[in-house]
Amino acid sequence: MKAIFVTGGKQYYVQEGDTIYVEKLDQEVGSEVTFDTVLFANGVSGTPYVEGAKVVCSIDRHGKRKKIIVFKYRPKKKYRKKQGHRQPYTKLTVKKIEVK
């Protein structure tokens, strides 16, 4: 069974058993989280969401991605700014997809 759901302003296409990385969620490691903003589930499309559909995931870990460097400068003006950024994430494993 496959589904498309929304979290953190992004859409994720998953099936049972998949491991995905999403924007950081404020829940503890080992707990389960349920997403009910499902756009597509098992061939059923909704307008905008499929009613009664849920994606149940377990939280495996929290972490930060690799550092990216943001470098800004203005030519011939002696302006340089170097900044780093590490985006926090949550690693999820999809347990089951329910459609009523």
Protein backbone atom coordinates (compact mmCIF):
# COMPACT_ATOMS: atom_id res chain seq x y z
CA MET A 1 0.00 0.00 0.00
CA LYS A 2 1.35 3.44 -0.94
CA ALA A 3 0.44 6.95 0.19
CA ILE A 4 1.34 10.62 -0.16
CA PHE A 5 1.11 12.70 3.02
CA VAL A 6 2.06 16.23 4.09
CA THR A 7 4.28 17.29 7.00
CA GLY A 8 6.53 20.30 7.48
CA GLY A 9 5.20 21.91 4.29
CA LYS A 10 6.48 19.04 2.13
CA GLN A 11 4.87 16.00 0.53
CA TYR A 12 6.26 12.48 1.01
CA TYR A 13 5.49 9.42 -1.15
CA VAL A 14 5.86 6.32 1.05
CA GLN A 15 4.92 2.69 1.43
CA GLU A 16 4.92 0.46 4.50
CA GLY A 17 8.41 -0.22 5.81
CA ASP A 18 10.02 2.89 4.25
CA THR A 19 12.46 5.07 6.19
CA ILE A 20 12.20 8.82 5.59
CA TYR A 21 13.73 12.02 6.95
CA VAL A 22 11.30 14.88 7.69
CA GLU A 23 11.46 18.30 9.32
CA LYS A 24 12.06 17.98 13.08
CA LEU A 25 9.01 16.87 15.10
CA ASP A 26 8.62 17.70 18.81
CA GLN A 27 8.04 14.14 20.02
CA GLU A 28 10.23 11.60 21.78
CA VAL A 29 12.27 8.86 20.15
CA GLY A 30 10.40 5.54 20.17
CA SER A 31 6.94 7.10 20.12
CA GLU A 32 4.45 6.80 17.28
CA VAL A 33 3.15 9.72 15.24
CA THR A 34 0.04 9.69 13.03
CA PHE A 35 -0.37 11.86 9.95
CA ASP A 36 -3.96 12.41 8.77
CA THR A 37 -3.19 14.93 6.01
CA VAL A 38 -3.08 12.21 3.35
CA LEU A 39 -3.38 13.34 -0.29
CA PHE A 40 -3.34 9.88 -1.88
CA ALA A 41 -3.70 6.40 -0.40
CA ASN A 42 -3.96 3.03 -2.18
CA GLY A 43 -5.29 4.46 -5.44
CA VAL A 44 -7.77 6.80 -3.72
CA SER A 45 -7.25 10.53 -4.28
CA GLY A 46 -8.88 13.21 -2.13
CA THR A 47 -9.95 16.82 -2.52
CA PRO A 48 -7.75 17.99 -0.86
CA TYR A 49 -7.31 15.13 1.66
CA VAL A 50 -8.52 11.52 1.75
CA GLU A 51 -11.05 11.22 4.58
CA GLY A 52 -10.34 8.51 7.13
CA ALA A 53 -6.83 7.80 5.83
CA LYS A 54 -3.85 7.79 8.20
CA VAL A 55 -0.14 7.12 7.96
CA VAL A 56 1.32 5.73 11.22
CA CYS A 57 5.08 6.13 11.73
CA SER A 58 7.53 5.45 14.54
CA ILE A 59 10.25 7.95 15.44
CA ASP A 60 13.72 6.38 15.20
CA ARG A 61 15.98 9.34 15.94
CA HIS A 62 16.53 13.10 15.83
CA GLY A 63 19.63 14.71 14.38
CA LYS A 64 21.19 17.40 12.22
CA ARG A 65 22.16 17.14 8.56
CA LYS A 66 25.59 17.96 7.12
CA LYS A 67 26.68 21.57 7.36
CA ILE A 68 26.16 23.79 4.34
CA ILE A 69 28.09 27.03 3.83
CA VAL A 70 26.23 30.23 2.95
CA PHE A 71 28.67 32.79 1.49
CA LYS A 72 27.55 36.29 0.50
CA TYR A 73 29.70 38.99 -1.02
CA ARG A 74 29.53 42.20 -3.00
CA PRO A 75 32.17 42.61 -5.66
CA LYS A 76 34.54 45.59 -5.24
CA LYS A 77 32.87 46.66 -1.94
CA LYS A 78 34.90 44.67 0.65
CA TYR A 79 31.74 42.94 1.92
CA ARG A 80 32.00 39.25 2.76
CA LYS A 81 29.81 37.16 5.04
CA LYS A 82 30.33 33.46 5.70
CA GLN A 83 27.70 31.51 7.59
CA GLY A 84 27.03 27.81 8.23
CA HIS A 85 23.71 26.01 8.68
CA ARG A 86 22.73 22.52 9.88
CA GLN A 87 19.07 21.59 9.35
CA PRO A 88 17.49 19.48 12.14
CA TYR A 89 15.56 16.37 11.07
CA THR A 90 13.55 13.43 12.41
CA LYS A 91 14.04 9.92 11.03
CA LEU A 92 10.74 8.03 10.66
CA THR A 93 9.84 4.44 9.77
CA VAL A 94 6.40 3.92 8.22
CA LYS A 95 4.53 1.24 10.21
CA LYS A 96 1.17 1.12 8.42
CA ILE A 97 -1.13 2.98 6.08
CA GLU A 98 -4.84 2.90 6.94
CA VAL A 99 -7.68 3.72 4.54
CA LYS A 100 -11.34 3.54 5.55
